[in-house]
Amino acid sequence: MPPTTSFGSPDRAGRTTWPAAAPRRTLCLTVAVAVLSAGAALPAVSPAAVLTWGSDLSAGATSGQAHPQADLFVELAQAGGTPTTAPSAGQILSVQVKGMAMASTMAGAPPPLTTIHFQDLQPQPDGSYVIAATSQPFNLPDTGDPNQVNTFMPTNLCVKLGDRLSLTTSGGFDPMFYPMGVDFQIFSPVPGSSTGFFQNGNGTQNGEHIMLTPQSNVETLMRITEGTGTNATPLCSLVPKTKPSGKHHRRHHSSHHHHHTRHKTGHHP
């Protein structure tokens, strides 16, 4: 069985990622409720549950993608039929990612830039998405078993029904050692699965409107665990749904950016 590791916030300087404490599930809030009429009532609370969506992680991490600039990946369809959107409003409790970042094999190469974030993508009527929230940074390991599964625990990352969760990288461009960016080997060629891709150096900030480019038969090996109701922080019930605006959304123009996809042969574990 591949090793499984849990991570909280990364310690970039020491190349060591310390285990995170369990996510806080409760928060003392003082809420002033104005009763406007005898029939006024508080909003209904979602039933408490722990839900899992995204990849089932059964495929091997045999495929990598490298891009010079910041980019994001999100599972659009899963061959096994597992949901790839949030089945309810709630809090992202943990994200499991299968695979690793690949270090350069050149002599004297520095360690790769392995920083990743998780981002809440809210769908818009025109098919675009708004980046609604971003987790704290984490580091994907660059050594060990290529099929290792690592668990990351975002802090107070909330989603709404139908939202998607992306894994967003920093590109990692280095003209000598990583000219195509860092190779993130966290994908698998799976017929029937589909991954959405977006790349723009300054276009992955909160509030940006983006369009995803689908990659057929590519599975992003990322499984999400979500808490709802009392299994989520009360802060998530206060997060409004992002409203569509007239802001022009960003598109990925493949003619302006380099893209490298690498597949390895291998067997699924």
C-alpha atoms as a PDB file:
ATOM      1  CA  MET A   1       0.000   0.000   0.000  1.00  0.00           C
ATOM      2  CA  PRO A   2       1.345   3.503  -0.788  1.00  0.00           C
ATOM      3  CA  PRO A   3       2.144   5.645   2.264  1.00  0.00           C
ATOM      4  CA  THR A   4      -0.379   8.177   3.516  1.00  0.00           C
ATOM      5  CA  THR A   5       0.688  11.439   5.120  1.00  0.00           C
ATOM      6  CA  SER A   6      -1.289  14.315   6.638  1.00  0.00           C
ATOM      7  CA  PHE A   7      -0.259  17.936   6.250  1.00  0.00           C
ATOM      8  CA  GLY A   8      -1.195  21.274   7.701  1.00  0.00           C
ATOM      9  CA  SER A   9       0.633  24.450   6.698  1.00  0.00           C
ATOM     10  CA  PRO A  10       4.013  23.986   4.948  1.00  0.00           C
ATOM     11  CA  ASP A  11       7.394  25.009   6.312  1.00  0.00           C
ATOM     12  CA  ARG A  12       9.004  25.986   3.019  1.00  0.00           C
ATOM     13  CA  ALA A  13      12.419  26.966   4.412  1.00  0.00           C
ATOM     14  CA  GLY A  14      13.094  23.635   6.070  1.00  0.00           C
ATOM     15  CA  ARG A  15      11.398  21.511   3.418  1.00  0.00           C
ATOM     16  CA  THR A  16       9.413  19.953   6.240  1.00  0.00           C
ATOM     17  CA  THR A  17       5.651  19.975   6.515  1.00  0.00           C
ATOM     18  CA  TRP A  18       4.356  19.606  10.029  1.00  0.00           C
ATOM     19  CA  PRO A  19       1.161  17.681  10.811  1.00  0.00           C
ATOM     20  CA  ALA A  20      -1.797  19.961  11.308  1.00  0.00           C
ATOM     21  CA  ALA A  21      -4.040  19.925  14.298  1.00  0.00           C
ATOM     22  CA  ALA A  22      -7.555  18.668  13.685  1.00  0.00           C
ATOM     23  CA  PRO A  23      -9.677  21.378  12.052  1.00  0.00           C
ATOM     24  CA  ARG A  24     -11.733  23.433  14.447  1.00  0.00           C
ATOM     25  CA  ARG A  25     -15.360  22.503  14.095  1.00  0.00           C
ATOM     26  CA  THR A  26     -16.900  25.040  16.438  1.00  0.00           C
ATOM     27  CA  LEU A  27     -16.671  28.772  16.854  1.00  0.00           C
ATOM     28  CA  CYS A  28     -18.340  30.933  19.443  1.00  0.00           C
ATOM     29  CA  LEU A  29     -20.415  33.494  17.635  1.00  0.00           C
ATOM     30  CA  THR A  30     -22.606  36.227  18.991  1.00  0.00           C
ATOM     31  CA  VAL A  31     -25.513  36.716  16.640  1.00  0.00           C
ATOM     32  CA  ALA A  32     -28.101  39.418  16.994  1.00  0.00           C
ATOM     33  CA  VAL A  33     -31.375  38.297  15.478  1.00  0.00           C
ATOM     34  CA  ALA A  34     -33.986  40.926  14.718  1.00  0.00           C
ATOM     35  CA  VAL A  35     -37.441  39.413  14.754  1.00  0.00           C
ATOM     36  CA  LEU A  36     -39.405  41.478  12.284  1.00  0.00           C
ATOM     37  CA  SER A  37     -42.687  39.639  12.656  1.00  0.00           C
ATOM     38  CA  ALA A  38     -44.285  36.850  14.611  1.00  0.00           C
ATOM     39  CA  GLY A  39     -43.735  34.535  11.662  1.00  0.00           C
ATOM     40  CA  ALA A  40     -40.004  35.301  11.283  1.00  0.00           C
ATOM     41  CA  ALA A  41     -37.724  32.262  11.540  1.00  0.00           C
ATOM     42  CA  LEU A  42     -34.019  31.443  11.308  1.00  0.00           C
ATOM     43  CA  PRO A  43     -32.734  29.756   8.125  1.00  0.00           C
ATOM     44  CA  ALA A  44     -32.809  25.982   8.190  1.00  0.00           C
ATOM     45  CA  VAL A  45     -29.539  24.281   9.089  1.00  0.00           C
ATOM     46  CA  SER A  46     -28.188  21.585   6.766  1.00  0.00           C
ATOM     47  CA  PRO A  47     -28.174  18.106   8.297  1.00  0.00           C
ATOM     48  CA  ALA A  48     -24.837  17.114   9.806  1.00  0.00           C
ATOM     49  CA  ALA A  49     -22.941  14.782   7.495  1.00  0.00           C
ATOM     50  CA  VAL A  50     -19.469  13.957   6.200  1.00  0.00           C
ATOM     51  CA  LEU A  51     -19.455  13.655   2.415  1.00  0.00           C
ATOM     52  CA  THR A  52     -16.774  12.472  -0.020  1.00  0.00           C
ATOM     53  CA  TRP A  53     -16.485  13.543  -3.663  1.00  0.00           C
ATOM     54  CA  GLY A  54     -13.926  13.687  -6.459  1.00  0.00           C
ATOM     55  CA  SER A  55     -11.559  10.910  -7.530  1.00  0.00           C
ATOM     56  CA  ASP A  56     -11.725   7.537  -5.795  1.00  0.00           C
ATOM     57  CA  LEU A  57      -7.882   7.411  -6.045  1.00  0.00           C
ATOM     58  CA  SER A  58      -7.942   3.878  -7.444  1.00  0.00           C
ATOM     59  CA  ALA A  59      -5.923   4.803 -10.560  1.00  0.00           C
ATOM     60  CA  GLY A  60      -2.138   5.077 -10.476  1.00  0.00           C
ATOM     61  CA  ALA A  61      -0.410   8.479 -10.579  1.00  0.00           C
ATOM     62  CA  THR A  62       1.333   7.741 -13.874  1.00  0.00           C
ATOM     63  CA  SER A  63       0.824  11.025 -15.719  1.00  0.00           C
ATOM     64  CA  GLY A  64       2.319  14.468 -15.090  1.00  0.00           C
ATOM     65  CA  GLN A  65       1.690  17.997 -16.313  1.00  0.00           C
ATOM     66  CA  ALA A  66       4.116  20.923 -16.262  1.00  0.00           C
ATOM     67  CA  HIS A  67       3.352  24.579 -17.010  1.00  0.00           C
ATOM     68  CA  PRO A  68       5.588  27.623 -16.535  1.00  0.00           C
ATOM     69  CA  GLN A  69       2.916  29.798 -14.909  1.00  0.00           C
ATOM     70  CA  ALA A  70       0.399  29.355 -12.131  1.00  0.00           C
ATOM     71  CA  ASP A  71      -2.341  26.949 -13.189  1.00  0.00           C
ATOM     72  CA  LEU A  72      -5.267  25.100 -11.711  1.00  0.00           C
ATOM     73  CA  PHE A  73      -6.777  21.679 -12.254  1.00  0.00           C
ATOM     74  CA  VAL A  74     -10.256  20.490 -11.355  1.00  0.00           C
ATOM     75  CA  GLU A  75     -12.026  17.188 -11.897  1.00  0.00           C
ATOM     76  CA  LEU A  76     -14.999  17.678 -14.250  1.00  0.00           C
ATOM     77  CA  ALA A  77     -16.117  14.054 -14.544  1.00  0.00           C
ATOM     78  CA  GLN A  78     -15.105  10.820 -12.860  1.00  0.00           C
ATOM     79  CA  ALA A  79     -15.301   7.542 -14.761  1.00  0.00           C
ATOM     80  CA  GLY A  80     -16.590   5.666 -11.710  1.00  0.00           C
ATOM     81  CA  GLY A  81     -19.538   8.033 -11.363  1.00  0.00           C
ATOM     82  CA  THR A  82     -18.383   9.667  -8.126  1.00  0.00           C
ATOM     83  CA  PRO A  83     -19.701  13.263  -7.838  1.00  0.00           C
ATOM     84  CA  THR A  84     -17.178  15.950  -8.788  1.00  0.00           C
ATOM     85  CA  THR A  85     -19.109  18.920  -7.381  1.00  0.00           C
ATOM     86  CA  ALA A  86     -20.034  19.762  -3.817  1.00  0.00           C
ATOM     87  CA  PRO A  87     -23.206  17.795  -2.996  1.00  0.00           C
ATOM     88  CA  SER A  88     -24.129  20.323  -0.310  1.00  0.00           C
ATOM     89  CA  ALA A  89     -22.977  23.585   1.215  1.00  0.00           C
ATOM     90  CA  GLY A  90     -20.337  22.997   3.864  1.00  0.00           C
ATOM     91  CA  GLN A  91     -16.669  23.052   4.858  1.00  0.00           C
ATOM     92  CA  ILE A  92     -13.770  21.264   3.177  1.00  0.00           C
ATOM     93  CA  LEU A  93     -12.363  19.154   5.998  1.00  0.00           C
ATOM     94  CA  SER A  94      -9.557  17.482   4.062  1.00  0.00           C
ATOM     95  CA  VAL A  95      -8.211  16.898   0.575  1.00  0.00           C
ATOM     96  CA  GLN A  96      -6.302  13.762  -0.392  1.00  0.00           C
ATOM     97  CA  VAL A  97      -3.924  13.978  -3.345  1.00  0.00           C
ATOM     98  CA  LYS A  98      -2.252  10.960  -4.926  1.00  0.00           C
ATOM     99  CA  GLY A  99       1.163  11.508  -6.486  1.00  0.00           C
ATOM    100  CA  MET A 100       4.008  13.982  -6.128  1.00  0.00           C
ATOM    101  CA  ALA A 101       5.975  16.811  -7.730  1.00  0.00           C
ATOM    102  CA  MET A 102       8.945  15.634  -9.781  1.00  0.00           C
ATOM    103  CA  ALA A 103      12.389  17.075  -9.086  1.00  0.00           C
ATOM    104  CA  SER A 104      14.733  17.921 -11.945  1.00  0.00           C
ATOM    105  CA  THR A 105      17.268  15.199 -12.715  1.00  0.00           C
ATOM    106  CA  MET A 106      19.932  17.729 -13.769  1.00  0.00           C
ATOM    107  CA  ALA A 107      23.076  17.961 -11.650  1.00  0.00           C
ATOM    108  CA  GLY A 108      22.937  20.875  -9.235  1.00  0.00           C
ATOM    109  CA  ALA A 109      19.203  21.423  -9.644  1.00  0.00           C
ATOM    110  CA  PRO A 110      17.399  23.084  -6.724  1.00  0.00           C
ATOM    111  CA  PRO A 111      14.326  21.453  -5.206  1.00  0.00           C
ATOM    112  CA  PRO A 112      11.168  22.123  -7.231  1.00  0.00           C
ATOM    113  CA  LEU A 113       8.647  24.753  -6.221  1.00  0.00           C
ATOM    114  CA  THR A 114       5.926  22.484  -4.873  1.00  0.00           C
ATOM    115  CA  THR A 115       3.511  25.063  -3.435  1.00  0.00           C
ATOM    116  CA  ILE A 116      -0.160  24.280  -4.016  1.00  0.00           C
ATOM    117  CA  HIS A 117      -3.454  25.803  -2.912  1.00  0.00           C
ATOM    118  CA  PHE A 118      -7.021  24.547  -3.025  1.00  0.00           C
ATOM    119  CA  GLN A 119      -9.624  26.936  -4.448  1.00  0.00           C
ATOM    120  CA  ASP A 120     -13.410  27.047  -4.370  1.00  0.00           C
ATOM    121  CA  LEU A 121     -14.771  27.556  -7.901  1.00  0.00           C
ATOM    122  CA  GLN A 122     -18.374  28.750  -8.168  1.00  0.00           C
ATOM    123  CA  PRO A 123     -20.135  28.078 -11.518  1.00  0.00           C
ATOM    124  CA  GLN A 124     -21.638  30.979 -13.473  1.00  0.00           C
ATOM    125  CA  PRO A 125     -24.542  30.997 -15.973  1.00  0.00           C
ATOM    126  CA  ASP A 126     -22.194  31.525 -18.945  1.00  0.00           C
ATOM    127  CA  GLY A 127     -20.129  28.420 -18.160  1.00  0.00           C
ATOM    128  CA  SER A 128     -17.308  30.312 -16.459  1.00  0.00           C
ATOM    129  CA  TYR A 129     -16.279  30.037 -12.814  1.00  0.00           C
ATOM    130  CA  VAL A 130     -15.509  32.559 -10.110  1.00  0.00           C
ATOM    131  CA  ILE A 131     -12.616  31.821  -7.742  1.00  0.00           C
ATOM    132  CA  ALA A 132     -14.482  32.416  -4.486  1.00  0.00           C
ATOM    133  CA  ALA A 133     -11.943  31.354  -1.851  1.00  0.00           C
ATOM    134  CA  THR A 134      -8.391  30.025  -1.531  1.00  0.00           C
ATOM    135  CA  SER A 135      -6.830  27.815   1.135  1.00  0.00           C
ATOM    136  CA  GLN A 136      -3.564  28.442   2.897  1.00  0.00           C
ATOM    137  CA  PRO A 137      -0.483  27.172   0.979  1.00  0.00           C
ATOM    138  CA  PHE A 138       0.679  23.575   1.184  1.00  0.00           C
ATOM    139  CA  ASN A 139       3.636  21.682  -0.298  1.00  0.00           C
ATOM    140  CA  LEU A 140       3.243  18.558  -2.390  1.00  0.00           C
ATOM    141  CA  PRO A 141       6.096  16.132  -1.624  1.00  0.00           C
ATOM    142  CA  ASP A 142       8.861  15.746  -4.217  1.00  0.00           C
ATOM    143  CA  THR A 143      10.365  12.519  -2.894  1.00  0.00           C
ATOM    144  CA  GLY A 144       9.063   9.070  -2.025  1.00  0.00           C
ATOM    145  CA  ASP A 145       6.569   6.668  -3.554  1.00  0.00           C
ATOM    146  CA  PRO A 146       5.077   8.087  -6.791  1.00  0.00           C
ATOM    147  CA  ASN A 147       1.708   6.680  -5.661  1.00  0.00           C
ATOM    148  CA  GLN A 148       1.800   8.120  -2.166  1.00  0.00           C
ATOM    149  CA  VAL A 149      -1.432   9.647  -0.870  1.00  0.00           C
ATOM    150  CA  ASN A 150      -1.113  12.836   1.147  1.00  0.00           C
ATOM    151  CA  THR A 151      -3.881  14.486   3.164  1.00  0.00           C
ATOM    152  CA  PHE A 152      -4.147  18.274   3.432  1.00  0.00           C
ATOM    153  CA  MET A 153      -6.440  20.101   5.872  1.00  0.00           C
ATOM    154  CA  PRO A 154      -7.532  23.577   4.739  1.00  0.00           C
ATOM    155  CA  THR A 155      -8.621  26.097   7.364  1.00  0.00           C
ATOM    156  CA  ASN A 156     -12.204  27.390   7.092  1.00  0.00           C
ATOM    157  CA  LEU A 157     -12.495  26.694   3.357  1.00  0.00           C
ATOM    158  CA  CYS A 158     -16.216  26.815   2.556  1.00  0.00           C
ATOM    159  CA  VAL A 159     -18.150  25.665  -0.512  1.00  0.00           C
ATOM    160  CA  LYS A 160     -21.703  26.014  -1.780  1.00  0.00           C
ATOM    161  CA  LEU A 161     -23.864  23.375  -3.440  1.00  0.00           C
ATOM    162  CA  GLY A 162     -22.536  22.694  -6.953  1.00  0.00           C
ATOM    163  CA  ASP A 163     -19.117  24.302  -6.431  1.00  0.00           C
ATOM    164  CA  ARG A 164     -15.922  22.645  -7.622  1.00  0.00           C
ATOM    165  CA  LEU A 165     -12.564  22.448  -5.873  1.00  0.00           C
ATOM    166  CA  SER A 166      -9.341  23.035  -7.779  1.00  0.00           C
ATOM    167  CA  LEU A 167      -5.732  22.183  -7.071  1.00  0.00           C
ATOM    168  CA  THR A 168      -3.730  25.274  -8.036  1.00  0.00           C
ATOM    169  CA  THR A 169       0.043  25.296  -8.521  1.00  0.00           C
ATOM    170  CA  SER A 170       2.596  28.103  -8.750  1.00  0.00           C
ATOM    171  CA  GLY A 171       4.095  26.867 -12.015  1.00  0.00           C
ATOM    172  CA  GLY A 172       7.661  26.664 -10.753  1.00  0.00           C
ATOM    173  CA  PHE A 173       9.402  28.009 -13.859  1.00  0.00           C
ATOM    174  CA  ASP A 174      13.212  28.034 -13.776  1.00  0.00           C
ATOM    175  CA  PRO A 175      14.999  28.779 -17.076  1.00  0.00           C
ATOM    176  CA  MET A 176      17.738  26.208 -16.493  1.00  0.00           C
ATOM    177  CA  PHE A 177      16.298  23.420 -14.356  1.00  0.00           C
ATOM    178  CA  TYR A 178      12.505  23.733 -14.835  1.00  0.00           C
ATOM    179  CA  PRO A 179      12.036  25.469 -18.222  1.00  0.00           C
ATOM    180  CA  MET A 180       8.527  23.999 -18.606  1.00  0.00           C
ATOM    181  CA  GLY A 181       7.678  24.464 -14.937  1.00  0.00           C
ATOM    182  CA  VAL A 182       7.522  21.773 -12.267  1.00  0.00           C
ATOM    183  CA  ASP A 183       6.070  18.439 -13.364  1.00  0.00           C
ATOM    184  CA  PHE A 184       3.133  17.537 -11.097  1.00  0.00           C
ATOM    185  CA  GLN A 185       2.587  13.793 -11.426  1.00  0.00           C
ATOM    186  CA  ILE A 186      -0.910  13.681  -9.912  1.00  0.00           C
ATOM    187  CA  PHE A 187      -2.933  12.519 -12.925  1.00  0.00           C
ATOM    188  CA  SER A 188      -3.944   9.276 -14.562  1.00  0.00           C
ATOM    189  CA  PRO A 189      -5.152   8.516 -18.125  1.00  0.00           C
ATOM    190  CA  VAL A 190      -8.630   7.167 -17.335  1.00  0.00           C
ATOM    191  CA  PRO A 191     -11.228   6.776 -20.128  1.00  0.00           C
ATOM    192  CA  GLY A 192     -14.415   8.586 -19.170  1.00  0.00           C
ATOM    193  CA  SER A 193     -12.796  10.958 -16.693  1.00  0.00           C
ATOM    194  CA  SER A 194     -12.226  14.619 -17.502  1.00  0.00           C
ATOM    195  CA  THR A 195     -10.073  17.375 -15.998  1.00  0.00           C
ATOM    196  CA  GLY A 196     -10.580  21.113 -16.357  1.00  0.00           C
ATOM    197  CA  PHE A 197      -7.429  23.194 -16.819  1.00  0.00           C
ATOM    198  CA  PHE A 198      -6.690  26.926 -16.576  1.00  0.00           C
ATOM    199  CA  GLN A 199      -3.366  28.786 -16.748  1.00  0.00           C
ATOM    200  CA  ASN A 200      -2.685  32.462 -16.203  1.00  0.00           C
ATOM    201  CA  GLY A 201       0.188  33.856 -14.148  1.00  0.00           C
ATOM    202  CA  ASN A 202      -1.906  36.481 -12.349  1.00  0.00           C
ATOM    203  CA  GLY A 203      -5.339  35.062 -13.052  1.00  0.00           C
ATOM    204  CA  THR A 204      -5.805  32.648 -10.154  1.00  0.00           C
ATOM    205  CA  GLN A 205      -6.671  35.210  -7.477  1.00  0.00           C
ATOM    206  CA  ASN A 206      -9.926  35.370  -5.523  1.00  0.00           C
ATOM    207  CA  GLY A 207     -12.655  37.102  -7.504  1.00  0.00           C
ATOM    208  CA  GLU A 208     -11.267  36.203 -10.931  1.00  0.00           C
ATOM    209  CA  HIS A 209     -13.691  34.870 -13.570  1.00  0.00           C
ATOM    210  CA  ILE A 210     -12.108  32.014 -15.505  1.00  0.00           C
ATOM    211  CA  MET A 211     -12.954  29.568 -18.279  1.00  0.00           C
ATOM    212  CA  LEU A 212     -11.759  25.978 -17.982  1.00  0.00           C
ATOM    213  CA  THR A 213     -10.277  23.996 -20.871  1.00  0.00           C
ATOM    214  CA  PRO A 214     -11.409  20.337 -20.630  1.00  0.00           C
ATOM    215  CA  GLN A 215      -8.877  17.524 -20.933  1.00  0.00           C
ATOM    216  CA  SER A 216     -10.638  14.314 -21.934  1.00  0.00           C
ATOM    217  CA  ASN A 217      -9.704  10.964 -20.390  1.00  0.00           C
ATOM    218  CA  VAL A 218      -7.535  12.619 -17.721  1.00  0.00           C
ATOM    219  CA  GLU A 219      -8.305  12.143 -14.032  1.00  0.00           C
ATOM    220  CA  THR A 220      -7.010  14.495 -11.357  1.00  0.00           C
ATOM    221  CA  LEU A 221      -6.230  12.249  -8.405  1.00  0.00           C
ATOM    222  CA  MET A 222      -7.824  14.373  -5.694  1.00  0.00           C
ATOM    223  CA  ARG A 223     -10.491  13.241  -3.219  1.00  0.00           C
ATOM    224  CA  ILE A 224     -12.400  15.773  -1.095  1.00  0.00           C
ATOM    225  CA  THR A 225     -14.006  15.247   2.311  1.00  0.00           C
ATOM    226  CA  GLU A 226     -16.651  17.824   3.212  1.00  0.00           C
ATOM    227  CA  GLY A 227     -18.501  18.433   6.465  1.00  0.00           C
ATOM    228  CA  THR A 228     -22.016  19.842   6.581  1.00  0.00           C
ATOM    229  CA  GLY A 229     -24.269  21.124   9.353  1.00  0.00           C
ATOM    230  CA  THR A 230     -22.599  20.806  12.753  1.00  0.00           C
ATOM    231  CA  ASN A 231     -19.657  19.059  11.073  1.00  0.00           C
ATOM    232  CA  ALA A 232     -18.730  22.390   9.458  1.00  0.00           C
ATOM    233  CA  THR A 233     -17.612  25.654  10.992  1.00  0.00           C
ATOM    234  CA  PRO A 234     -20.524  28.103  11.535  1.00  0.00           C
ATOM    235  CA  LEU A 235     -18.530  30.555   9.426  1.00  0.00           C
ATOM    236  CA  CYS A 236     -19.554  28.635   6.302  1.00  0.00           C
ATOM    237  CA  SER A 237     -23.227  29.482   6.870  1.00  0.00           C
ATOM    238  CA  LEU A 238     -22.295  33.169   6.669  1.00  0.00           C
ATOM    239  CA  VAL A 239     -20.555  32.962   3.279  1.00  0.00           C
ATOM    240  CA  PRO A 240     -22.771  34.430   0.516  1.00  0.00           C
ATOM    241  CA  LYS A 241     -23.023  32.919  -2.940  1.00  0.00           C
ATOM    242  CA  THR A 242     -20.931  34.877  -5.435  1.00  0.00           C
ATOM    243  CA  LYS A 243     -23.205  36.841  -7.755  1.00  0.00           C
ATOM    244  CA  PRO A 244     -22.547  37.021 -11.504  1.00  0.00           C
ATOM    245  CA  SER A 245     -21.070  40.324 -12.579  1.00  0.00           C
ATOM    246  CA  GLY A 246     -20.289  42.068 -15.818  1.00  0.00           C
ATOM    247  CA  LYS A 247     -16.563  41.511 -15.291  1.00  0.00           C
ATOM    248  CA  HIS A 248     -14.811  40.006 -18.299  1.00  0.00           C
ATOM    249  CA  HIS A 249     -13.663  36.492 -17.494  1.00  0.00           C
ATOM    250  CA  ARG A 250     -10.189  35.253 -18.244  1.00  0.00           C
ATOM    251  CA  ARG A 251      -9.568  32.525 -20.770  1.00  0.00           C
ATOM    252  CA  HIS A 252      -6.604  30.250 -21.217  1.00  0.00           C
ATOM    253  CA  HIS A 253      -4.951  30.899 -24.595  1.00  0.00           C
ATOM    254  CA  SER A 254      -2.838  27.874 -25.423  1.00  0.00           C
ATOM    255  CA  SER A 255      -1.044  29.767 -28.188  1.00  0.00           C
ATOM    256  CA  HIS A 256       0.489  32.110 -25.629  1.00  0.00           C
ATOM    257  CA  HIS A 257       1.706  29.514 -23.148  1.00  0.00           C
ATOM    258  CA  HIS A 258       3.853  26.436 -23.182  1.00  0.00           C
ATOM    259  CA  HIS A 259       2.259  23.187 -22.080  1.00  0.00           C
ATOM    260  CA  HIS A 260       3.830  19.846 -21.402  1.00  0.00           C
ATOM    261  CA  THR A 261       2.034  16.628 -20.556  1.00  0.00           C
ATOM    262  CA  ARG A 262       3.944  13.475 -19.785  1.00  0.00           C
ATOM    263  CA  HIS A 263       2.610   9.948 -19.433  1.00  0.00           C
ATOM    264  CA  LYS A 264       4.410   7.046 -17.819  1.00  0.00           C
ATOM    265  CA  THR A 265       3.621   3.427 -18.331  1.00  0.00           C
ATOM    266  CA  GLY A 266       2.840   1.513 -15.199  1.00  0.00           C
ATOM    267  CA  HIS A 267       0.291  -0.570 -13.366  1.00  0.00           C
ATOM    268  CA  HIS A 268      -2.392   0.674 -11.059  1.00  0.00           C
ATOM    269  CA  PRO A 269      -1.830  -0.383  -7.465  1.00  0.00           C
END
